[in-house]
Amino acid sequence: GPVTYNWNQTGATASWAAPASWTPARLSPQLTDILIFDNNGTTTATNVPTQTIGNLVISNGSNVTLEAAAATTLTVGNSTGTDMVINAGTTLTLGTNSNLTIAPSATATVDGTLTVGAGRTFTTSGASAVTTVTGTGIVNNSGIITGSLTGLIFNSGSNYNHTRDGGTVPTAGWNTASNCNITGLTATAPVGLGQTFGNLNYNSAYT
């Protein structure tokens, strides 16, 4: 059955691929693995491979950045229940070369913050894939976010923060009390504004 591994590198930069970075040692990665960052620290996991896992959980005040040496995609969702959880008070950042996909039929909740870094991708548009956002929400920091009306849901009080010039506001289902915040424009307007938003807030130098 699924095996649960906890990241044990609090306040450090360490290799995702190193078995000793996990407790117990992750000697044999499997499609059903449950990976948990819950050590209440700021950490960067390097050497993230192209890999499919069962669950990814960011909890207990953890702030996690994923990086890779070359372009890779981590696919989450080969298990039961909610496949990816970013709890309130935590952050997950897609850093250098690290991309993230919610698998078809998988579910994710973003109660904390998901930041999509420059040139990185977050995809939640596969058949029956659903990412539900509450609270702080998603930050588009010059990345690419691919959603759909049913695949990316912004609940009441949630935020999408477009902190980049140009780019695309992802297709999503927007609660009437959700917030789409456009704050990073300097020279180019974004596309993707032909949607029904809750609150569309514009605060940028570009007009």
C-alpha atoms as a PDB file:
ATOM      1  CA  GLY A   1       0.000   0.000   0.000  1.00  0.00           C
ATOM      2  CA  PRO A   2       0.957   3.691  -0.005  1.00  0.00           C
ATOM      3  CA  VAL A   3       3.989   4.666   2.066  1.00  0.00           C
ATOM      4  CA  THR A   4       4.188   8.031   3.885  1.00  0.00           C
ATOM      5  CA  TYR A   5       7.479   9.943   3.822  1.00  0.00           C
ATOM      6  CA  ASN A   6       8.189  13.100   5.843  1.00  0.00           C
ATOM      7  CA  TRP A   7      10.768  15.653   4.711  1.00  0.00           C
ATOM      8  CA  ASN A   8      13.374  15.975   7.469  1.00  0.00           C
ATOM      9  CA  GLN A   9      15.545  18.872   6.216  1.00  0.00           C
ATOM     10  CA  THR A  10      14.278  21.834   8.252  1.00  0.00           C
ATOM     11  CA  GLY A  11      15.845  25.161   7.309  1.00  0.00           C
ATOM     12  CA  ALA A  12      18.067  23.626   4.660  1.00  0.00           C
ATOM     13  CA  THR A  13      18.571  23.043   0.983  1.00  0.00           C
ATOM     14  CA  ALA A  14      18.594  19.351   0.258  1.00  0.00           C
ATOM     15  CA  SER A  15      17.996  16.944  -2.590  1.00  0.00           C
ATOM     16  CA  TRP A  16      14.496  15.578  -3.115  1.00  0.00           C
ATOM     17  CA  ALA A  17      16.150  12.583  -4.788  1.00  0.00           C
ATOM     18  CA  ALA A  18      18.329  11.726  -1.783  1.00  0.00           C
ATOM     19  CA  PRO A  19      16.703   8.906   0.211  1.00  0.00           C
ATOM     20  CA  ALA A  20      18.025  10.380   3.485  1.00  0.00           C
ATOM     21  CA  SER A  21      16.063  13.636   2.965  1.00  0.00           C
ATOM     22  CA  TRP A  22      12.949  11.691   3.941  1.00  0.00           C
ATOM     23  CA  THR A  23      11.854   9.754   6.994  1.00  0.00           C
ATOM     24  CA  PRO A  24      11.811   6.837   6.493  1.00  0.00           C
ATOM     25  CA  ALA A  25      14.503   6.848   3.798  1.00  0.00           C
ATOM     26  CA  ARG A  26      12.782   6.960   0.404  1.00  0.00           C
ATOM     27  CA  LEU A  27      14.741   4.180  -1.255  1.00  0.00           C
ATOM     28  CA  SER A  28      12.125   3.064  -3.791  1.00  0.00           C
ATOM     29  CA  PRO A  29       9.859   5.852  -5.125  1.00  0.00           C
ATOM     30  CA  GLN A  30       6.387   4.625  -6.070  1.00  0.00           C
ATOM     31  CA  LEU A  31       3.356   6.143  -7.814  1.00  0.00           C
ATOM     32  CA  THR A  32       1.361   5.908  -4.585  1.00  0.00           C
ATOM     33  CA  ASP A  33       3.858   7.616  -2.257  1.00  0.00           C
ATOM     34  CA  ILE A  34       2.534  10.193   0.215  1.00  0.00           C
ATOM     35  CA  LEU A  35       5.069  13.016   0.647  1.00  0.00           C
ATOM     36  CA  ILE A  36       4.671  15.421   3.567  1.00  0.00           C
ATOM     37  CA  PHE A  37       6.470  18.664   4.434  1.00  0.00           C
ATOM     38  CA  ASP A  38       5.430  19.373   8.029  1.00  0.00           C
ATOM     39  CA  ASN A  39       8.531  20.473   9.938  1.00  0.00           C
ATOM     40  CA  ASN A  40       7.555  24.140  10.378  1.00  0.00           C
ATOM     41  CA  GLY A  41      10.565  25.497   8.514  1.00  0.00           C
ATOM     42  CA  THR A  42      11.708  27.105   5.275  1.00  0.00           C
ATOM     43  CA  THR A  43      13.328  24.636   2.936  1.00  0.00           C
ATOM     44  CA  THR A  44      14.328  24.188  -0.696  1.00  0.00           C
ATOM     45  CA  ALA A  45      14.053  20.749  -2.228  1.00  0.00           C
ATOM     46  CA  THR A  46      16.459  20.485  -5.163  1.00  0.00           C
ATOM     47  CA  ASN A  47      16.759  17.824  -7.868  1.00  0.00           C
ATOM     48  CA  VAL A  48      12.995  17.305  -8.045  1.00  0.00           C
ATOM     49  CA  PRO A  49      12.569  14.733 -10.834  1.00  0.00           C
ATOM     50  CA  THR A  50       9.826  14.192 -13.339  1.00  0.00           C
ATOM     51  CA  GLN A  51       7.761  11.894 -11.190  1.00  0.00           C
ATOM     52  CA  THR A  52       4.213  10.902 -10.263  1.00  0.00           C
ATOM     53  CA  ILE A  53       3.257  10.613  -6.599  1.00  0.00           C
ATOM     54  CA  GLY A  54       0.045   9.828  -4.759  1.00  0.00           C
ATOM     55  CA  ASN A  55      -0.201  12.775  -2.360  1.00  0.00           C
ATOM     56  CA  LEU A  56       1.665  15.985  -1.551  1.00  0.00           C
ATOM     57  CA  VAL A  57       0.966  17.744   1.760  1.00  0.00           C
ATOM     58  CA  ILE A  58       2.411  21.069   2.957  1.00  0.00           C
ATOM     59  CA  SER A  59       1.444  21.652   6.591  1.00  0.00           C
ATOM     60  CA  ASN A  60       2.436  22.989  10.024  1.00  0.00           C
ATOM     61  CA  GLY A  61       3.723  26.394   8.866  1.00  0.00           C
ATOM     62  CA  SER A  62       6.172  24.967   6.326  1.00  0.00           C
ATOM     63  CA  ASN A  63       7.488  27.088   3.446  1.00  0.00           C
ATOM     64  CA  VAL A  64       8.713  24.907   0.602  1.00  0.00           C
ATOM     65  CA  THR A  65      10.423  25.721  -2.704  1.00  0.00           C
ATOM     66  CA  LEU A  66      10.864  23.063  -5.391  1.00  0.00           C
ATOM     67  CA  GLU A  67      13.810  23.288  -7.808  1.00  0.00           C
ATOM     68  CA  ALA A  68      15.367  21.083 -10.467  1.00  0.00           C
ATOM     69  CA  ALA A  69      18.531  21.056 -12.580  1.00  0.00           C
ATOM     70  CA  ALA A  70      16.522  20.819 -15.822  1.00  0.00           C
ATOM     71  CA  ALA A  71      12.840  21.216 -16.657  1.00  0.00           C
ATOM     72  CA  THR A  72      10.820  18.591 -14.780  1.00  0.00           C
ATOM     73  CA  THR A  73       7.161  18.018 -13.930  1.00  0.00           C
ATOM     74  CA  LEU A  74       5.869  16.651 -10.656  1.00  0.00           C
ATOM     75  CA  THR A  75       2.452  15.047 -11.146  1.00  0.00           C
ATOM     76  CA  VAL A  76       0.274  14.646  -8.066  1.00  0.00           C
ATOM     77  CA  GLY A  77      -2.717  12.385  -7.841  1.00  0.00           C
ATOM     78  CA  ASN A  78      -2.654   8.645  -7.831  1.00  0.00           C
ATOM     79  CA  SER A  79      -4.320   8.041  -4.499  1.00  0.00           C
ATOM     80  CA  THR A  80      -7.578   8.489  -2.549  1.00  0.00           C
ATOM     81  CA  GLY A  81      -8.897  11.596  -0.816  1.00  0.00           C
ATOM     82  CA  THR A  82      -7.468  15.048  -1.532  1.00  0.00           C
ATOM     83  CA  ASP A  83      -4.273  14.476  -3.469  1.00  0.00           C
ATOM     84  CA  MET A  84      -2.505  17.796  -2.839  1.00  0.00           C
ATOM     85  CA  VAL A  85      -3.017  19.921   0.279  1.00  0.00           C
ATOM     86  CA  ILE A  86      -1.375  23.293   0.956  1.00  0.00           C
ATOM     87  CA  ASN A  87      -2.628  24.122   4.411  1.00  0.00           C
ATOM     88  CA  ALA A  88      -3.352  27.615   5.751  1.00  0.00           C
ATOM     89  CA  GLY A  89      -0.176  29.350   6.874  1.00  0.00           C
ATOM     90  CA  THR A  90       2.067  27.385   4.501  1.00  0.00           C
ATOM     91  CA  THR A  91       3.571  28.115   1.093  1.00  0.00           C
ATOM     92  CA  LEU A  92       4.622  26.044  -1.892  1.00  0.00           C
ATOM     93  CA  THR A  93       6.774  27.804  -4.517  1.00  0.00           C
ATOM     94  CA  LEU A  94       7.570  26.387  -7.943  1.00  0.00           C
ATOM     95  CA  GLY A  95      11.154  27.516  -8.371  1.00  0.00           C
ATOM     96  CA  THR A  96      13.856  26.919 -10.979  1.00  0.00           C
ATOM     97  CA  ASN A  97      12.836  24.336 -13.598  1.00  0.00           C
ATOM     98  CA  SER A  98      10.089  22.849 -11.402  1.00  0.00           C
ATOM     99  CA  ASN A  99       6.562  22.391 -12.790  1.00  0.00           C
ATOM    100  CA  LEU A 100       3.471  20.917 -11.142  1.00  0.00           C
ATOM    101  CA  THR A 101       0.465  19.087 -12.580  1.00  0.00           C
ATOM    102  CA  ILE A 102      -2.679  17.862 -10.862  1.00  0.00           C
ATOM    103  CA  ALA A 103      -3.462  14.572 -12.534  1.00  0.00           C
ATOM    104  CA  PRO A 104      -6.802  13.835 -14.215  1.00  0.00           C
ATOM    105  CA  SER A 105      -9.476  12.930 -11.637  1.00  0.00           C
ATOM    106  CA  ALA A 106      -7.231  14.197  -8.802  1.00  0.00           C
ATOM    107  CA  THR A 107      -8.117  16.943  -6.330  1.00  0.00           C
ATOM    108  CA  ALA A 108      -6.116  19.688  -4.649  1.00  0.00           C
ATOM    109  CA  THR A 109      -6.820  22.350  -2.040  1.00  0.00           C
ATOM    110  CA  VAL A 110      -4.846  25.575  -1.671  1.00  0.00           C
ATOM    111  CA  ASP A 111      -5.672  27.030   1.729  1.00  0.00           C
ATOM    112  CA  GLY A 112      -2.231  28.632   2.027  1.00  0.00           C
ATOM    113  CA  THR A 113      -0.189  30.055  -0.879  1.00  0.00           C
ATOM    114  CA  LEU A 114       0.931  28.481  -4.149  1.00  0.00           C
ATOM    115  CA  THR A 115       3.467  30.660  -6.002  1.00  0.00           C
ATOM    116  CA  VAL A 116       4.227  29.868  -9.643  1.00  0.00           C
ATOM    117  CA  GLY A 117       7.683  31.262 -10.397  1.00  0.00           C
ATOM    118  CA  ALA A 118       9.051  32.755 -13.605  1.00  0.00           C
ATOM    119  CA  GLY A 119       8.609  30.401 -16.546  1.00  0.00           C
ATOM    120  CA  ARG A 120       7.126  27.661 -14.380  1.00  0.00           C
ATOM    121  CA  THR A 121       3.798  25.926 -14.992  1.00  0.00           C
ATOM    122  CA  PHE A 122       0.934  24.823 -12.788  1.00  0.00           C
ATOM    123  CA  THR A 123      -1.650  22.722 -14.616  1.00  0.00           C
ATOM    124  CA  THR A 124      -5.046  21.727 -13.248  1.00  0.00           C
ATOM    125  CA  SER A 125      -7.084  21.265 -16.399  1.00  0.00           C
ATOM    126  CA  GLY A 126      -7.050  17.510 -16.970  1.00  0.00           C
ATOM    127  CA  ALA A 127     -10.312  15.568 -17.122  1.00  0.00           C
ATOM    128  CA  SER A 128     -12.024  15.850 -13.708  1.00  0.00           C
ATOM    129  CA  ALA A 129      -8.949  17.419 -12.054  1.00  0.00           C
ATOM    130  CA  VAL A 130     -10.104  19.999  -9.483  1.00  0.00           C
ATOM    131  CA  THR A 131      -8.053  22.527  -7.531  1.00  0.00           C
ATOM    132  CA  THR A 132     -10.026  24.504  -4.949  1.00  0.00           C
ATOM    133  CA  VAL A 133      -8.514  27.749  -3.665  1.00  0.00           C
ATOM    134  CA  THR A 134      -9.341  29.540  -0.421  1.00  0.00           C
ATOM    135  CA  GLY A 135      -7.564  32.158   1.669  1.00  0.00           C
ATOM    136  CA  THR A 136      -4.273  33.638   0.426  1.00  0.00           C
ATOM    137  CA  GLY A 137      -4.495  31.736  -2.833  1.00  0.00           C
ATOM    138  CA  ILE A 138      -2.350  31.546  -5.965  1.00  0.00           C
ATOM    139  CA  VAL A 139       0.426  33.961  -6.960  1.00  0.00           C
ATOM    140  CA  ASN A 140       1.404  34.146 -10.639  1.00  0.00           C
ATOM    141  CA  ASN A 141       4.962  35.471 -10.529  1.00  0.00           C
ATOM    142  CA  SER A 142       5.655  35.351 -14.297  1.00  0.00           C
ATOM    143  CA  GLY A 143       4.525  31.751 -14.574  1.00  0.00           C
ATOM    144  CA  ILE A 144       1.894  29.903 -16.612  1.00  0.00           C
ATOM    145  CA  ILE A 145      -1.253  28.595 -14.930  1.00  0.00           C
ATOM    146  CA  THR A 146      -3.628  26.388 -16.887  1.00  0.00           C
ATOM    147  CA  GLY A 147      -7.081  25.816 -15.447  1.00  0.00           C
ATOM    148  CA  SER A 148     -10.689  25.452 -16.527  1.00  0.00           C
ATOM    149  CA  LEU A 149     -14.141  26.481 -15.305  1.00  0.00           C
ATOM    150  CA  THR A 150     -14.398  23.277 -13.290  1.00  0.00           C
ATOM    151  CA  GLY A 151     -10.710  22.506 -12.803  1.00  0.00           C
ATOM    152  CA  LEU A 152      -9.685  25.665 -10.910  1.00  0.00           C
ATOM    153  CA  ILE A 153     -12.180  27.000  -8.373  1.00  0.00           C
ATOM    154  CA  PHE A 154     -11.685  30.221  -6.394  1.00  0.00           C
ATOM    155  CA  ASN A 155     -13.923  30.127  -3.328  1.00  0.00           C
ATOM    156  CA  SER A 156     -15.344  33.078  -1.401  1.00  0.00           C
ATOM    157  CA  GLY A 157     -12.543  35.241  -0.006  1.00  0.00           C
ATOM    158  CA  SER A 158      -9.820  33.555  -2.026  1.00  0.00           C
ATOM    159  CA  ASN A 159      -7.233  35.399  -4.110  1.00  0.00           C
ATOM    160  CA  TYR A 160      -5.554  35.107  -7.463  1.00  0.00           C
ATOM    161  CA  ASN A 161      -2.591  37.516  -7.554  1.00  0.00           C
ATOM    162  CA  HIS A 162      -1.286  38.401 -11.006  1.00  0.00           C
ATOM    163  CA  THR A 163       2.093  39.839  -9.994  1.00  0.00           C
ATOM    164  CA  ARG A 164       3.596  39.877 -13.473  1.00  0.00           C
ATOM    165  CA  ASP A 165       3.564  41.895 -16.670  1.00  0.00           C
ATOM    166  CA  GLY A 166       1.446  40.527 -19.510  1.00  0.00           C
ATOM    167  CA  GLY A 167       0.743  36.838 -19.252  1.00  0.00           C
ATOM    168  CA  THR A 168      -2.609  35.121 -18.937  1.00  0.00           C
ATOM    169  CA  VAL A 169      -5.165  35.125 -16.156  1.00  0.00           C
ATOM    170  CA  PRO A 170      -6.131  31.439 -15.936  1.00  0.00           C
ATOM    171  CA  THR A 171      -9.573  30.224 -16.856  1.00  0.00           C
ATOM    172  CA  ALA A 172     -11.352  29.423 -13.594  1.00  0.00           C
ATOM    173  CA  GLY A 173     -14.629  29.329 -11.736  1.00  0.00           C
ATOM    174  CA  TRP A 174     -14.803  32.529  -9.671  1.00  0.00           C
ATOM    175  CA  ASN A 175     -17.042  32.859  -6.619  1.00  0.00           C
ATOM    176  CA  THR A 176     -18.803  36.231  -6.433  1.00  0.00           C
ATOM    177  CA  ALA A 177     -16.703  37.048  -3.353  1.00  0.00           C
ATOM    178  CA  SER A 178     -13.353  35.866  -4.792  1.00  0.00           C
ATOM    179  CA  ASN A 179     -10.609  38.298  -5.795  1.00  0.00           C
ATOM    180  CA  CYS A 180      -8.604  38.558  -8.995  1.00  0.00           C
ATOM    181  CA  ASN A 181      -5.834  41.045  -8.186  1.00  0.00           C
ATOM    182  CA  ILE A 182      -3.877  42.544 -11.114  1.00  0.00           C
ATOM    183  CA  THR A 183      -0.786  44.174  -9.606  1.00  0.00           C
ATOM    184  CA  GLY A 184       2.277  43.519 -11.767  1.00  0.00           C
ATOM    185  CA  LEU A 185       1.624  45.124 -15.145  1.00  0.00           C
ATOM    186  CA  THR A 186       4.264  47.503 -16.470  1.00  0.00           C
ATOM    187  CA  ALA A 187       3.975  47.481 -20.275  1.00  0.00           C
ATOM    188  CA  THR A 188       1.592  44.764 -21.470  1.00  0.00           C
ATOM    189  CA  ALA A 189      -2.004  43.941 -20.607  1.00  0.00           C
ATOM    190  CA  PRO A 190      -2.808  40.322 -19.700  1.00  0.00           C
ATOM    191  CA  VAL A 191      -5.143  38.116 -21.672  1.00  0.00           C
ATOM    192  CA  GLY A 192      -7.825  35.974 -20.105  1.00  0.00           C
ATOM    193  CA  LEU A 193      -9.948  38.826 -18.777  1.00  0.00           C
ATOM    194  CA  GLY A 194     -13.054  37.782 -20.709  1.00  0.00           C
ATOM    195  CA  GLN A 195     -14.419  35.855 -17.737  1.00  0.00           C
ATOM    196  CA  THR A 196     -17.043  36.453 -15.077  1.00  0.00           C
ATOM    197  CA  PHE A 197     -15.069  37.413 -11.991  1.00  0.00           C
ATOM    198  CA  GLY A 198     -16.099  38.074  -8.427  1.00  0.00           C
ATOM    199  CA  ASN A 199     -13.976  41.121  -7.602  1.00  0.00           C
ATOM    200  CA  LEU A 200     -11.503  42.286 -10.244  1.00  0.00           C
ATOM    201  CA  ASN A 201      -8.968  44.576  -8.564  1.00  0.00           C
ATOM    202  CA  TYR A 202      -6.522  46.539 -10.736  1.00  0.00           C
ATOM    203  CA  ASN A 203      -3.488  48.263  -9.232  1.00  0.00           C
ATOM    204  CA  SER A 204      -0.667  48.528 -11.764  1.00  0.00           C
ATOM    205  CA  ALA A 205       1.520  51.165 -13.416  1.00  0.00           C
ATOM    206  CA  TYR A 206       0.293  50.124 -16.865  1.00  0.00           C
ATOM    207  CA  THR A 207      -3.097  51.555 -17.903  1.00  0.00           C
END
